[in-house]
Amino acid sequence: MDVKQQITDELNKFQAIRNQCKKILSQRGQLEIQLNENKLVKEELDLLEDGSKTFKLIGPALIKIELKEARDNVNNRIKYITEELKRYDQTLETLTKQQDKHRDAVMKLEQATQQAMSAVASNPK
């Protein structure tokens, strides 16, 4: 495989990883929004006294649920979202390392190409 093809392949891999990172960052942003919303709901539920009437919106209907159940649901969602955020962060870290590896490979190939061209230019036949 020639150097030009190697550079193209590395650039394609780099671009694919970059696109994955963009997608994950977008999804991570959505999770952050959901986490903040759930934290606000938790704060509101914590203000209520035990035995207070609470309702959950399911489709177009408000369904009565126990306050403890509502608190448990919100706490479970917060826990799940937090774990997902950690997983996304780990994935982003891995992808960033791969992206750096491909960037370095492209730079080395380009340097080798430039050195070869300089050698040819300085030693004309």
PDB file of N, CA and C in Angstrom:
ATOM      1  N   MET A   1       0.854  -1.179   0.000  1.00  0.00           N
ATOM      2  CA  MET A   1       0.000   0.000   0.000  1.00  0.00           C
ATOM      3  C   MET A   1       0.900   1.241   0.000  1.00  0.00           C
ATOM      4  N   ASP A   2       0.596   2.182  -0.875  1.00  0.00           N
ATOM      5  CA  ASP A   2       1.434   3.373  -0.950  1.00  0.00           C
ATOM      6  C   ASP A   2       1.085   4.340   0.187  1.00  0.00           C
ATOM      7  N   VAL A   3       1.965   5.297   0.385  1.00  0.00           N
ATOM      8  CA  VAL A   3       1.847   6.244   1.497  1.00  0.00           C
ATOM      9  C   VAL A   3       0.580   7.088   1.375  1.00  0.00           C
ATOM     10  N   LYS A   4       0.269   7.485   0.153  1.00  0.00           N
ATOM     11  CA  LYS A   4      -0.927   8.314  -0.049  1.00  0.00           C
ATOM     12  C   LYS A   4      -2.181   7.565   0.408  1.00  0.00           C
ATOM     13  N   GLN A   5      -2.258   6.283   0.084  1.00  0.00           N
ATOM     14  CA  GLN A   5      -3.408   5.468   0.493  1.00  0.00           C
ATOM     15  C   GLN A   5      -3.435   5.289   2.014  1.00  0.00           C
ATOM     16  N   GLN A   6      -2.252   5.126   2.617  1.00  0.00           N
ATOM     17  CA  GLN A   6      -2.181   4.990   4.073  1.00  0.00           C
ATOM     18  C   GLN A   6      -2.683   6.262   4.760  1.00  0.00           C
ATOM     19  N   ILE A   7      -2.273   7.406   4.234  1.00  0.00           N
ATOM     20  CA  ILE A   7      -2.724   8.683   4.798  1.00  0.00           C
ATOM     21  C   ILE A   7      -4.239   8.802   4.669  1.00  0.00           C
ATOM     22  N   THR A   8      -4.754   8.459   3.504  1.00  0.00           N
ATOM     23  CA  THR A   8      -6.209   8.521   3.286  1.00  0.00           C
ATOM     24  C   THR A   8      -6.947   7.601   4.253  1.00  0.00           C
ATOM     25  N   ASP A   9      -6.436   6.391   4.433  1.00  0.00           N
ATOM     26  CA  ASP A   9      -7.076   5.440   5.356  1.00  0.00           C
ATOM     27  C   ASP A   9      -7.069   5.969   6.790  1.00  0.00           C
ATOM     28  N   GLU A  10      -5.931   6.497   7.213  1.00  0.00           N
ATOM     29  CA  GLU A  10      -5.836   7.034   8.577  1.00  0.00           C
ATOM     30  C   GLU A  10      -6.761   8.235   8.758  1.00  0.00           C
ATOM     31  N   LEU A  11      -6.832   9.089   7.742  1.00  0.00           N
ATOM     32  CA  LEU A  11      -7.727  10.244   7.823  1.00  0.00           C
ATOM     33  C   LEU A  11      -9.191   9.809   7.887  1.00  0.00           C
ATOM     34  N   ASN A  12      -9.542   8.781   7.129  1.00  0.00           N
ATOM     35  CA  ASN A  12     -10.914   8.263   7.170  1.00  0.00           C
ATOM     36  C   ASN A  12     -11.252   7.701   8.552  1.00  0.00           C
ATOM     37  N   LYS A  13     -10.306   6.970   9.132  1.00  0.00           N
ATOM     38  CA  LYS A  13     -10.521   6.434  10.485  1.00  0.00           C
ATOM     39  C   LYS A  13     -10.657   7.574  11.494  1.00  0.00           C
ATOM     40  N   PHE A  14      -9.800   8.568  11.354  1.00  0.00           N
ATOM     41  CA  PHE A  14      -9.840   9.736  12.239  1.00  0.00           C
ATOM     42  C   PHE A  14     -11.198  10.425  12.136  1.00  0.00           C
ATOM     43  N   GLN A  15     -11.671  10.624  10.921  1.00  0.00           N
ATOM     44  CA  GLN A  15     -12.955  11.304  10.692  1.00  0.00           C
ATOM     45  C   GLN A  15     -14.118  10.490  11.261  1.00  0.00           C
ATOM     46  N   ALA A  16     -14.065   9.174  11.096  1.00  0.00           N
ATOM     47  CA  ALA A  16     -15.130   8.313  11.629  1.00  0.00           C
ATOM     48  C   ALA A  16     -15.193   8.415  13.153  1.00  0.00           C
ATOM     49  N   ILE A  17     -14.042   8.420  13.787  1.00  0.00           N
ATOM     50  CA  ILE A  17     -14.003   8.545  15.246  1.00  0.00           C
ATOM     51  C   ILE A  17     -14.494   9.924  15.667  1.00  0.00           C
ATOM     52  N   ARG A  18     -14.115  10.936  14.920  1.00  0.00           N
ATOM     53  CA  ARG A  18     -14.567  12.299  15.225  1.00  0.00           C
ATOM     54  C   ARG A  18     -16.099  12.379  15.163  1.00  0.00           C
ATOM     55  N   ASN A  19     -16.688  11.743  14.157  1.00  0.00           N
ATOM     56  CA  ASN A  19     -18.148  11.727  14.034  1.00  0.00           C
ATOM     57  C   ASN A  19     -18.800  10.988  15.198  1.00  0.00           C
ATOM     58  N   GLN A  20     -18.179   9.884  15.628  1.00  0.00           N
ATOM     59  CA  GLN A  20     -18.689   9.155  16.790  1.00  0.00           C
ATOM     60  C   GLN A  20     -18.658  10.053  18.028  1.00  0.00           C
ATOM     61  N   CYS A  21     -17.571  10.788  18.192  1.00  0.00           N
ATOM     62  CA  CYS A  21     -17.441  11.686  19.345  1.00  0.00           C
ATOM     63  C   CYS A  21     -18.533  12.750  19.331  1.00  0.00           C
ATOM     64  N   LYS A  22     -18.802  13.314  18.161  1.00  0.00           N
ATOM     65  CA  LYS A  22     -19.853  14.329  18.052  1.00  0.00           C
ATOM     66  C   LYS A  22     -21.206  13.752  18.456  1.00  0.00           C
ATOM     67  N   LYS A  23     -21.487  12.543  17.981  1.00  0.00           N
ATOM     68  CA  LYS A  23     -22.761  11.890  18.290  1.00  0.00           C
ATOM     69  C   LYS A  23     -22.878  11.635  19.795  1.00  0.00           C
ATOM     70  N   ILE A  24     -21.821  11.123  20.390  1.00  0.00           N
ATOM     71  CA  ILE A  24     -21.834  10.822  21.821  1.00  0.00           C
ATOM     72  C   ILE A  24     -21.960  12.103  22.635  1.00  0.00           C
ATOM     73  N   LEU A  25     -21.279  13.165  22.219  1.00  0.00           N
ATOM     74  CA  LEU A  25     -21.383  14.440  22.933  1.00  0.00           C
ATOM     75  C   LEU A  25     -22.806  14.984  22.876  1.00  0.00           C
ATOM     76  N   SER A  26     -23.456  14.810  21.749  1.00  0.00           N
ATOM     77  CA  SER A  26     -24.846  15.244  21.616  1.00  0.00           C
ATOM     78  C   SER A  26     -25.747  14.444  22.556  1.00  0.00           C
ATOM     79  N   GLN A  27     -25.570  13.135  22.559  1.00  0.00           N
ATOM     80  CA  GLN A  27     -26.362  12.277  23.443  1.00  0.00           C
ATOM     81  C   GLN A  27     -26.071  12.589  24.910  1.00  0.00           C
ATOM     82  N   ARG A  28     -24.809  12.869  25.202  1.00  0.00           N
ATOM     83  CA  ARG A  28     -24.424  13.200  26.571  1.00  0.00           C
ATOM     84  C   ARG A  28     -25.103  14.493  27.011  1.00  0.00           C
ATOM     85  N   GLY A  29     -25.204  15.441  26.105  1.00  0.00           N
ATOM     86  CA  GLY A  29     -25.892  16.698  26.405  1.00  0.00           C
ATOM     87  C   GLY A  29     -27.353  16.468  26.758  1.00  0.00           C
ATOM     88  N   GLN A  30     -27.997  15.565  26.021  1.00  0.00           N
ATOM     89  CA  GLN A  30     -29.389  15.225  26.324  1.00  0.00           C
ATOM     90  C   GLN A  30     -29.507  14.591  27.710  1.00  0.00           C
ATOM     91  N   LEU A  31     -28.554  13.733  28.046  1.00  0.00           N
ATOM     92  CA  LEU A  31     -28.572  13.114  29.373  1.00  0.00           C
ATOM     93  C   LEU A  31     -28.388  14.158  30.473  1.00  0.00           C
ATOM     94  N   GLU A  32     -27.518  15.134  30.232  1.00  0.00           N
ATOM     95  CA  GLU A  32     -27.311  16.210  31.212  1.00  0.00           C
ATOM     96  C   GLU A  32     -28.615  16.963  31.456  1.00  0.00           C
ATOM     97  N   ILE A  33     -29.336  17.235  30.384  1.00  0.00           N
ATOM     98  CA  ILE A  33     -30.624  17.935  30.503  1.00  0.00           C
ATOM     99  C   ILE A  33     -31.592  17.089  31.328  1.00  0.00           C
ATOM    100  N   GLN A  34     -31.668  15.800  31.022  1.00  0.00           N
ATOM    101  CA  GLN A  34     -32.561  14.911  31.768  1.00  0.00           C
ATOM    102  C   GLN A  34     -32.166  14.833  33.241  1.00  0.00           C
ATOM    103  N   LEU A  35     -30.863  14.791  33.503  1.00  0.00           N
ATOM    104  CA  LEU A  35     -30.390  14.736  34.885  1.00  0.00           C
ATOM    105  C   LEU A  35     -30.813  15.987  35.645  1.00  0.00           C
ATOM    106  N   ASN A  36     -30.628  17.147  35.032  1.00  0.00           N
ATOM    107  CA  ASN A  36     -31.018  18.397  35.686  1.00  0.00           C
ATOM    108  C   ASN A  36     -32.520  18.446  35.941  1.00  0.00           C
ATOM    109  N   GLU A  37     -33.314  17.992  34.976  1.00  0.00           N
ATOM    110  CA  GLU A  37     -34.768  17.959  35.159  1.00  0.00           C
ATOM    111  C   GLU A  37     -35.147  17.049  36.321  1.00  0.00           C
ATOM    112  N   ASN A  38     -34.514  15.890  36.394  1.00  0.00           N
ATOM    113  CA  ASN A  38     -34.823  14.954  37.471  1.00  0.00           C
ATOM    114  C   ASN A  38     -34.374  15.481  38.831  1.00  0.00           C
ATOM    115  N   LYS A  39     -33.269  16.202  38.861  1.00  0.00           N
ATOM    116  CA  LYS A  39     -32.827  16.810  40.123  1.00  0.00           C
ATOM    117  C   LYS A  39     -33.827  17.860  40.591  1.00  0.00           C
ATOM    118  N   LEU A  40     -34.368  18.629  39.651  1.00  0.00           N
ATOM    119  CA  LEU A  40     -35.391  19.616  40.014  1.00  0.00           C
ATOM    120  C   LEU A  40     -36.641  18.929  40.559  1.00  0.00           C
ATOM    121  N   VAL A  41     -37.052  17.844  39.922  1.00  0.00           N
ATOM    122  CA  VAL A  41     -38.216  17.089  40.398  1.00  0.00           C
ATOM    123  C   VAL A  41     -37.941  16.537  41.794  1.00  0.00           C
ATOM    124  N   LYS A  42     -36.734  16.023  42.002  1.00  0.00           N
ATOM    125  CA  LYS A  42     -36.362  15.483  43.317  1.00  0.00           C
ATOM    126  C   LYS A  42     -36.458  16.568  44.381  1.00  0.00           C
ATOM    127  N   GLU A  43     -35.951  17.761  44.073  1.00  0.00           N
ATOM    128  CA  GLU A  43     -36.026  18.872  45.028  1.00  0.00           C
ATOM    129  C   GLU A  43     -37.478  19.183  45.382  1.00  0.00           C
ATOM    130  N   GLU A  44     -38.343  19.182  44.388  1.00  0.00           N
ATOM    131  CA  GLU A  44     -39.761  19.463  44.631  1.00  0.00           C
ATOM    132  C   GLU A  44     -40.403  18.358  45.468  1.00  0.00           C
ATOM    133  N   LEU A  45     -40.083  17.113  45.158  1.00  0.00           N
ATOM    134  CA  LEU A  45     -40.648  15.998  45.922  1.00  0.00           C
ATOM    135  C   LEU A  45     -40.152  15.999  47.364  1.00  0.00           C
ATOM    136  N   ASP A  46     -38.910  16.430  47.565  1.00  0.00           N
ATOM    137  CA  ASP A  46     -38.358  16.487  48.923  1.00  0.00           C
ATOM    138  C   ASP A  46     -39.059  17.539  49.780  1.00  0.00           C
ATOM    139  N   LEU A  47     -39.661  18.533  49.141  1.00  0.00           N
ATOM    140  CA  LEU A  47     -40.381  19.573  49.882  1.00  0.00           C
ATOM    141  C   LEU A  47     -41.731  19.077  50.406  1.00  0.00           C
ATOM    142  N   LEU A  48     -42.258  18.029  49.789  1.00  0.00           N
ATOM    143  CA  LEU A  48     -43.577  17.516  50.177  1.00  0.00           C
ATOM    144  C   LEU A  48     -43.495  16.708  51.469  1.00  0.00           C
ATOM    145  N   GLU A  49     -44.578  16.769  52.232  1.00  0.00           N
ATOM    146  CA  GLU A  49     -44.660  15.973  53.452  1.00  0.00           C
ATOM    147  C   GLU A  49     -45.159  14.580  53.100  1.00  0.00           C
ATOM    148  N   ASP A  50     -44.781  13.603  53.924  1.00  0.00           N
ATOM    149  CA  ASP A  50     -45.261  12.241  53.705  1.00  0.00           C
ATOM    150  C   ASP A  50     -46.782  12.243  53.696  1.00  0.00           C
ATOM    151  N   GLY A  51     -47.348  11.489  52.783  1.00  0.00           N
ATOM    152  CA  GLY A  51     -48.796  11.413  52.669  1.00  0.00           C
ATOM    153  C   GLY A  51     -49.378  12.426  51.701  1.00  0.00           C
ATOM    154  N   SER A  52     -48.545  13.331  51.183  1.00  0.00           N
ATOM    155  CA  SER A  52     -49.031  14.316  50.210  1.00  0.00           C
ATOM    156  C   SER A  52     -49.473  13.601  48.941  1.00  0.00           C
ATOM    157  N   LYS A  53     -50.486  14.161  48.303  1.00  0.00           N
ATOM    158  CA  LYS A  53     -50.961  13.585  47.047  1.00  0.00           C
ATOM    159  C   LYS A  53     -49.968  13.921  45.939  1.00  0.00           C
ATOM    160  N   THR A  54     -49.588  12.905  45.191  1.00  0.00           N
ATOM    161  CA  THR A  54     -48.698  13.110  44.046  1.00  0.00           C
ATOM    162  C   THR A  54     -49.297  12.408  42.840  1.00  0.00           C
ATOM    163  N   PHE A  55     -49.047  12.996  41.697  1.00  0.00           N
ATOM    164  CA  PHE A  55     -49.595  12.467  40.460  1.00  0.00           C
ATOM    165  C   PHE A  55     -48.489  12.354  39.426  1.00  0.00           C
ATOM    166  N   LYS A  56     -48.667  11.376  38.557  1.00  0.00           N
ATOM    167  CA  LYS A  56     -47.716  11.156  37.469  1.00  0.00           C
ATOM    168  C   LYS A  56     -48.483  11.291  36.161  1.00  0.00           C
ATOM    169  N   LEU A  57     -47.897  12.040  35.236  1.00  0.00           N
ATOM    170  CA  LEU A  57     -48.518  12.222  33.929  1.00  0.00           C
ATOM    171  C   LEU A  57     -48.175  11.022  33.048  1.00  0.00           C
ATOM    172  N   ILE A  58     -49.199  10.270  32.681  1.00  0.00           N
ATOM    173  CA  ILE A  58     -49.019   9.121  31.790  1.00  0.00           C
ATOM    174  C   ILE A  58     -49.929   9.360  30.596  1.00  0.00           C
ATOM    175  N   GLY A  59     -49.310   9.696  29.469  1.00  0.00           N
ATOM    176  CA  GLY A  59     -50.105  10.071  28.297  1.00  0.00           C
ATOM    177  C   GLY A  59     -50.880  11.333  28.635  1.00  0.00           C
ATOM    178  N   PRO A  60     -52.177  11.351  28.345  1.00  0.00           N
ATOM    179  CA  PRO A  60     -52.967  12.550  28.644  1.00  0.00           C
ATOM    180  C   PRO A  60     -53.574  12.533  30.055  1.00  0.00           C
ATOM    181  N   ALA A  61     -53.300  11.484  30.842  1.00  0.00           N
ATOM    182  CA  ALA A  61     -53.959  11.339  32.144  1.00  0.00           C
ATOM    183  C   ALA A  61     -52.989  11.529  33.304  1.00  0.00           C
ATOM    184  N   LEU A  62     -53.485  12.113  34.390  1.00  0.00           N
ATOM    185  CA  LEU A  62     -52.737  12.201  35.640  1.00  0.00           C
ATOM    186  C   LEU A  62     -53.143  11.019  36.507  1.00  0.00           C
ATOM    187  N   ILE A  63     -52.172  10.211  36.890  1.00  0.00           N
ATOM    188  CA  ILE A  63     -52.421   9.018  37.688  1.00  0.00           C
ATOM    189  C   ILE A  63     -51.830   9.244  39.079  1.00  0.00           C
ATOM    190  N   LYS A  64     -52.634   8.975  40.111  1.00  0.00           N
ATOM    191  CA  LYS A  64     -52.166   9.156  41.481  1.00  0.00           C
ATOM    192  C   LYS A  64     -51.165   8.056  41.824  1.00  0.00           C
ATOM    193  N   ILE A  65     -50.043   8.463  42.425  1.00  0.00           N
ATOM    194  CA  ILE A  65     -49.046   7.500  42.900  1.00  0.00           C
ATOM    195  C   ILE A  65     -48.626   7.908  44.301  1.00  0.00           C
ATOM    196  N   GLU A  66     -48.073   6.965  45.020  1.00  0.00           N
ATOM    197  CA  GLU A  66     -47.585   7.244  46.370  1.00  0.00           C
ATOM    198  C   GLU A  66     -46.329   8.108  46.282  1.00  0.00           C
ATOM    199  N   LEU A  67     -46.176   8.996  47.256  1.00  0.00           N
ATOM    200  CA  LEU A  67     -45.016   9.886  47.284  1.00  0.00           C
ATOM    201  C   LEU A  67     -43.723   9.085  47.334  1.00  0.00           C
ATOM    202  N   LYS A  68     -43.698   8.037  48.141  1.00  0.00           N
ATOM    203  CA  LYS A  68     -42.490   7.209  48.240  1.00  0.00           C
ATOM    204  C   LYS A  68     -42.141   6.599  46.885  1.00  0.00           C
ATOM    205  N   GLU A  69     -43.154   6.131  46.170  1.00  0.00           N
ATOM    206  CA  GLU A  69     -42.922   5.549  44.845  1.00  0.00           C
ATOM    207  C   GLU A  69     -42.367   6.600  43.878  1.00  0.00           C
ATOM    208  N   ALA A  70     -42.916   7.810  43.932  1.00  0.00           N
ATOM    209  CA  ALA A  70     -42.435   8.891  43.066  1.00  0.00           C
ATOM    210  C   ALA A  70     -40.983   9.221  43.386  1.00  0.00           C
ATOM    211  N   ARG A  71     -40.669   9.310  44.682  1.00  0.00           N
ATOM    212  CA  ARG A  71     -39.280   9.597  45.090  1.00  0.00           C
ATOM    213  C   ARG A  71     -38.341   8.487  44.636  1.00  0.00           C
ATOM    214  N   ASP A  72     -38.765   7.244  44.826  1.00  0.00           N
ATOM    215  CA  ASP A  72     -37.931   6.111  44.406  1.00  0.00           C
ATOM    216  C   ASP A  72     -37.694   6.129  42.896  1.00  0.00           C
ATOM    217  N   ASN A  73     -38.746   6.404  42.133  1.00  0.00           N
ATOM    218  CA  ASN A  73     -38.613   6.464  40.672  1.00  0.00           C
ATOM    219  C   ASN A  73     -37.611   7.533  40.248  1.00  0.00           C
ATOM    220  N   VAL A  74     -37.723   8.710  40.849  1.00  0.00           N
ATOM    221  CA  VAL A  74     -36.822   9.814  40.491  1.00  0.00           C
ATOM    222  C   VAL A  74     -35.392   9.482  40.901  1.00  0.00           C
ATOM    223  N   ASN A  75     -35.213   8.933  42.096  1.00  0.00           N
ATOM    224  CA  ASN A  75     -33.866   8.562  42.546  1.00  0.00           C
ATOM    225  C   ASN A  75     -33.253   7.503  41.638  1.00  0.00           C
ATOM    226  N   ASN A  76     -34.062   6.543  41.209  1.00  0.00           N
ATOM    227  CA  ASN A  76     -33.559   5.511  40.289  1.00  0.00           C
ATOM    228  C   ASN A  76     -33.175   6.109  38.939  1.00  0.00           C
ATOM    229  N   ARG A  77     -33.969   7.046  38.445  1.00  0.00           N
ATOM    230  CA  ARG A  77     -33.633   7.700  37.170  1.00  0.00           C
ATOM    231  C   ARG A  77     -32.336   8.495  37.302  1.00  0.00           C
ATOM    232  N   ILE A  78     -32.183   9.212  38.409  1.00  0.00           N
ATOM    233  CA  ILE A  78     -30.954   9.991  38.625  1.00  0.00           C
ATOM    234  C   ILE A  78     -29.748   9.056  38.659  1.00  0.00           C
ATOM    235  N   LYS A  79     -29.887   7.943  39.362  1.00  0.00           N
ATOM    236  CA  LYS A  79     -28.792   6.970  39.446  1.00  0.00           C
ATOM    237  C   LYS A  79     -28.460   6.417  38.058  1.00  0.00           C
ATOM    238  N   TYR A  80     -29.483   6.033  37.306  1.00  0.00           N
ATOM    239  CA  TYR A  80     -29.275   5.473  35.969  1.00  0.00           C
ATOM    240  C   TYR A  80     -28.602   6.492  35.046  1.00  0.00           C
ATOM    241  N   ILE A  81     -29.100   7.718  35.053  1.00  0.00           N
ATOM    242  CA  ILE A  81     -28.540   8.751  34.170  1.00  0.00           C
ATOM    243  C   ILE A  81     -27.091   9.039  34.542  1.00  0.00           C
ATOM    244  N   THR A  82     -26.802   9.083  35.838  1.00  0.00           N
ATOM    245  CA  THR A  82     -25.429   9.328  36.292  1.00  0.00           C
ATOM    246  C   THR A  82     -24.497   8.217  35.811  1.00  0.00           C
ATOM    247  N   GLU A  83     -24.956   6.974  35.895  1.00  0.00           N
ATOM    248  CA  GLU A  83     -24.148   5.848  35.411  1.00  0.00           C
ATOM    249  C   GLU A  83     -23.940   5.932  33.898  1.00  0.00           C
ATOM    250  N   GLU A  84     -24.978   6.321  33.177  1.00  0.00           N
ATOM    251  CA  GLU A  84     -24.858   6.479  31.726  1.00  0.00           C
ATOM    252  C   GLU A  84     -23.852   7.576  31.380  1.00  0.00           C
ATOM    253  N   LEU A  85     -23.881   8.671  32.122  1.00  0.00           N
ATOM    254  CA  LEU A  85     -22.929   9.759  31.878  1.00  0.00           C
ATOM    255  C   LEU A  85     -21.497   9.277  32.083  1.00  0.00           C
ATOM    256  N   LYS A  86     -21.277   8.482  33.119  1.00  0.00           N
ATOM    257  CA  LYS A  86     -19.937   7.932  33.364  1.00  0.00           C
ATOM    258  C   LYS A  86     -19.516   7.031  32.201  1.00  0.00           C
ATOM    259  N   ARG A  87     -20.456   6.217  31.724  1.00  0.00           N
ATOM    260  CA  ARG A  87     -20.157   5.320  30.603  1.00  0.00           C
ATOM    261  C   ARG A  87     -19.815   6.125  29.348  1.00  0.00           C
ATOM    262  N   TYR A  88     -20.576   7.188  29.096  1.00  0.00           N
ATOM    263  CA  TYR A  88     -20.300   8.048  27.941  1.00  0.00           C
ATOM    264  C   TYR A  88     -18.922   8.693  28.075  1.00  0.00           C
ATOM    265  N   ASP A  89     -18.575   9.129  29.287  1.00  0.00           N
ATOM    266  CA  ASP A  89     -17.266   9.749  29.502  1.00  0.00           C
ATOM    267  C   ASP A  89     -16.137   8.763  29.219  1.00  0.00           C
ATOM    268  N   GLN A  90     -16.310   7.521  29.655  1.00  0.00           N
ATOM    269  CA  GLN A  90     -15.296   6.499  29.394  1.00  0.00           C
ATOM    270  C   GLN A  90     -15.168   6.228  27.897  1.00  0.00           C
ATOM    271  N   THR A  91     -16.294   6.167  27.220  1.00  0.00           N
ATOM    272  CA  THR A  91     -16.280   5.944  25.771  1.00  0.00           C
ATOM    273  C   THR A  91     -15.582   7.098  25.062  1.00  0.00           C
ATOM    274  N   LEU A  92     -15.891   8.325  25.479  1.00  0.00           N
ATOM    275  CA  LEU A  92     -15.246   9.497  24.873  1.00  0.00           C
ATOM    276  C   LEU A  92     -13.742   9.482  25.109  1.00  0.00           C
ATOM    277  N   GLU A  93     -13.329   9.072  26.289  1.00  0.00           N
ATOM    278  CA  GLU A  93     -11.898   9.003  26.589  1.00  0.00           C
ATOM    279  C   GLU A  93     -11.205   7.993  25.675  1.00  0.00           C
ATOM    280  N   THR A  94     -11.827   6.840  25.491  1.00  0.00           N
ATOM    281  CA  THR A  94     -11.274   5.809  24.611  1.00  0.00           C
ATOM    282  C   THR A  94     -11.201   6.309  23.170  1.00  0.00           C
ATOM    283  N   LEU A  95     -12.278   6.931  22.705  1.00  0.00           N
ATOM    284  CA  LEU A  95     -12.301   7.442  21.332  1.00  0.00           C
ATOM    285  C   LEU A  95     -11.269   8.545  21.130  1.00  0.00           C
ATOM    286  N   THR A  96     -11.084   9.385  22.135  1.00  0.00           N
ATOM    287  CA  THR A  96     -10.096  10.460  22.031  1.00  0.00           C
ATOM    288  C   THR A  96      -8.693   9.880  21.881  1.00  0.00           C
ATOM    289  N   LYS A  97      -8.402   8.825  22.627  1.00  0.00           N
ATOM    290  CA  LYS A  97      -7.088   8.174  22.507  1.00  0.00           C
ATOM    291  C   LYS A  97      -6.904   7.587  21.107  1.00  0.00           C
ATOM    292  N   GLN A  98      -7.952   6.947  20.581  1.00  0.00           N
ATOM    293  CA  GLN A  98      -7.876   6.389  19.226  1.00  0.00           C
ATOM    294  C   GLN A  98      -7.693   7.500  18.199  1.00  0.00           C
ATOM    295  N   GLN A  99      -8.402   8.594  18.406  1.00  0.00           N
ATOM    296  CA  GLN A  99      -8.304   9.735  17.493  1.00  0.00           C
ATOM    297  C   GLN A  99      -6.876  10.286  17.498  1.00  0.00           C
ATOM    298  N   ASP A 100      -6.288  10.404  18.674  1.00  0.00           N
ATOM    299  CA  ASP A 100      -4.905  10.889  18.783  1.00  0.00           C
ATOM    300  C   ASP A 100      -3.938   9.942  18.072  1.00  0.00           C
ATOM    301  N   LYS A 101      -4.186   8.639  18.207  1.00  0.00           N
ATOM    302  CA  LYS A 101      -3.325   7.646  17.563  1.00  0.00           C
ATOM    303  C   LYS A 101      -3.357   7.814  16.041  1.00  0.00           C
ATOM    304  N   HIS A 102      -4.547   7.999  15.486  1.00  0.00           N
ATOM    305  CA  HIS A 102      -4.667   8.157  14.031  1.00  0.00           C
ATOM    306  C   HIS A 102      -4.087   9.497  13.575  1.00  0.00           C
ATOM    307  N   ARG A 103      -4.259  10.538  14.369  1.00  0.00           N
ATOM    308  CA  ARG A 103      -3.679  11.844  14.035  1.00  0.00           C
ATOM    309  C   ARG A 103      -2.152  11.739  13.993  1.00  0.00           C
ATOM    310  N   ASP A 104      -1.576  11.057  14.990  1.00  0.00           N
ATOM    311  CA  ASP A 104      -0.122  10.879  15.025  1.00  0.00           C
ATOM    312  C   ASP A 104       0.363  10.069  13.823  1.00  0.00           C
ATOM    313  N   ALA A 105      -0.393   9.050  13.451  1.00  0.00           N
ATOM    314  CA  ALA A 105      -0.011   8.226  12.300  1.00  0.00           C
ATOM    315  C   ALA A 105      -0.009   9.058  11.023  1.00  0.00           C
ATOM    316  N   VAL A 106      -1.010   9.907  10.856  1.00  0.00           N
ATOM    317  CA  VAL A 106      -1.074  10.777   9.673  1.00  0.00           C
ATOM    318  C   VAL A 106       0.124  11.722   9.660  1.00  0.00           C
ATOM    319  N   MET A 107       0.428  12.308  10.806  1.00  0.00           N
ATOM    320  CA  MET A 107       1.557  13.250  10.870  1.00  0.00           C
ATOM    321  C   MET A 107       2.870  12.552  10.531  1.00  0.00           C
ATOM    322  N   LYS A 108       3.073  11.334  11.029  1.00  0.00           N
ATOM    323  CA  LYS A 108       4.303  10.597  10.734  1.00  0.00           C
ATOM    324  C   LYS A 108       4.401  10.264   9.248  1.00  0.00           C
ATOM    325  N   LEU A 109       3.281   9.850   8.674  1.00  0.00           N
ATOM    326  CA  LEU A 109       3.279   9.537   7.240  1.00  0.00           C
ATOM    327  C   LEU A 109       3.555  10.784   6.403  1.00  0.00           C
ATOM    328  N   GLU A 110       2.977  11.906   6.796  1.00  0.00           N
ATOM    329  CA  GLU A 110       3.222  13.151   6.061  1.00  0.00           C
ATOM    330  C   GLU A 110       4.678  13.586   6.196  1.00  0.00           C
ATOM    331  N   GLN A 111       5.248  13.432   7.389  1.00  0.00           N
ATOM    332  CA  GLN A 111       6.660  13.779   7.580  1.00  0.00           C
ATOM    333  C   GLN A 111       7.555  12.882   6.729  1.00  0.00           C
ATOM    334  N   ALA A 112       7.239  11.602   6.685  1.00  0.00           N
ATOM    335  CA  ALA A 112       8.030  10.674   5.872  1.00  0.00           C
ATOM    336  C   ALA A 112       7.938  11.050   4.399  1.00  0.00           C
ATOM    337  N   THR A 113       6.748  11.449   3.968  1.00  0.00           N
ATOM    338  CA  THR A 113       6.555  11.869   2.579  1.00  0.00           C
ATOM    339  C   THR A 113       7.373  13.120   2.284  1.00  0.00           C
ATOM    340  N   GLN A 114       7.336  14.091   3.182  1.00  0.00           N
ATOM    341  CA  GLN A 114       8.092  15.332   2.985  1.00  0.00           C
ATOM    342  C   GLN A 114       9.593  15.067   2.964  1.00  0.00           C
ATOM    343  N   GLN A 115      10.055  14.182   3.843  1.00  0.00           N
ATOM    344  CA  GLN A 115      11.482  13.861   3.861  1.00  0.00           C
ATOM    345  C   GLN A 115      11.896  13.165   2.569  1.00  0.00           C
ATOM    346  N   ALA A 116      11.054  12.290   2.085  1.00  0.00           N
ATOM    347  CA  ALA A 116      11.362  11.592   0.832  1.00  0.00           C
ATOM    348  C   ALA A 116      11.395  12.577  -0.327  1.00  0.00           C
ATOM    349  N   MET A 117      10.457  13.525  -0.342  1.00  0.00           N
ATOM    350  CA  MET A 117      10.429  14.524  -1.409  1.00  0.00           C
ATOM    351  C   MET A 117      11.643  15.448  -1.319  1.00  0.00           C
ATOM    352  N   SER A 118      12.051  15.786  -0.105  1.00  0.00           N
ATOM    353  CA  SER A 118      13.237  16.635   0.073  1.00  0.00           C
ATOM    354  C   SER A 118      14.489  15.914  -0.403  1.00  0.00           C
ATOM    355  N   ALA A 119      14.562  14.627  -0.101  1.00  0.00           N
ATOM    356  CA  ALA A 119      15.720  13.842  -0.525  1.00  0.00           C
ATOM    357  C   ALA A 119      15.787  13.763  -2.044  1.00  0.00           C
ATOM    358  N   VAL A 120      14.650  13.587  -2.677  1.00  0.00           N
ATOM    359  CA  VAL A 120      14.605  13.522  -4.142  1.00  0.00           C
ATOM    360  C   VAL A 120      14.977  14.881  -4.728  1.00  0.00           C
ATOM    361  N   ALA A 121      14.479  15.964  -4.135  1.00  0.00           N
ATOM    362  CA  ALA A 121      14.743  17.309  -4.649  1.00  0.00           C
ATOM    363  C   ALA A 121      16.209  17.701  -4.474  1.00  0.00           C
ATOM    364  N   SER A 122      16.844  17.242  -3.407  1.00  0.00           N
ATOM    365  CA  SER A 122      18.234  17.625  -3.163  1.00  0.00           C
ATOM    366  C   SER A 122      19.229  16.751  -3.922  1.00  0.00           C
ATOM    367  N   ASN A 123      18.791  15.643  -4.456  1.00  0.00           N
ATOM    368  CA  ASN A 123      19.665  14.749  -5.214  1.00  0.00           C
ATOM    369  C   ASN A 123      19.130  14.523  -6.621  1.00  0.00           C
ATOM    370  N   PRO A 124      19.081  15.576  -7.438  1.00  0.00           N
ATOM    371  CA  PRO A 124      18.588  15.367  -8.804  1.00  0.00           C
ATOM    372  C   PRO A 124      19.603  14.560  -9.608  1.00  0.00           C
ATOM    373  N   LYS A 125      19.125  13.783 -10.533  1.00  0.00           N
ATOM    374  CA  LYS A 125      20.003  12.930 -11.353  1.00  0.00           C
ATOM    375  C   LYS A 125      20.477  13.641 -12.576  1.00  0.00           C
TER     376      LYS A 125
END
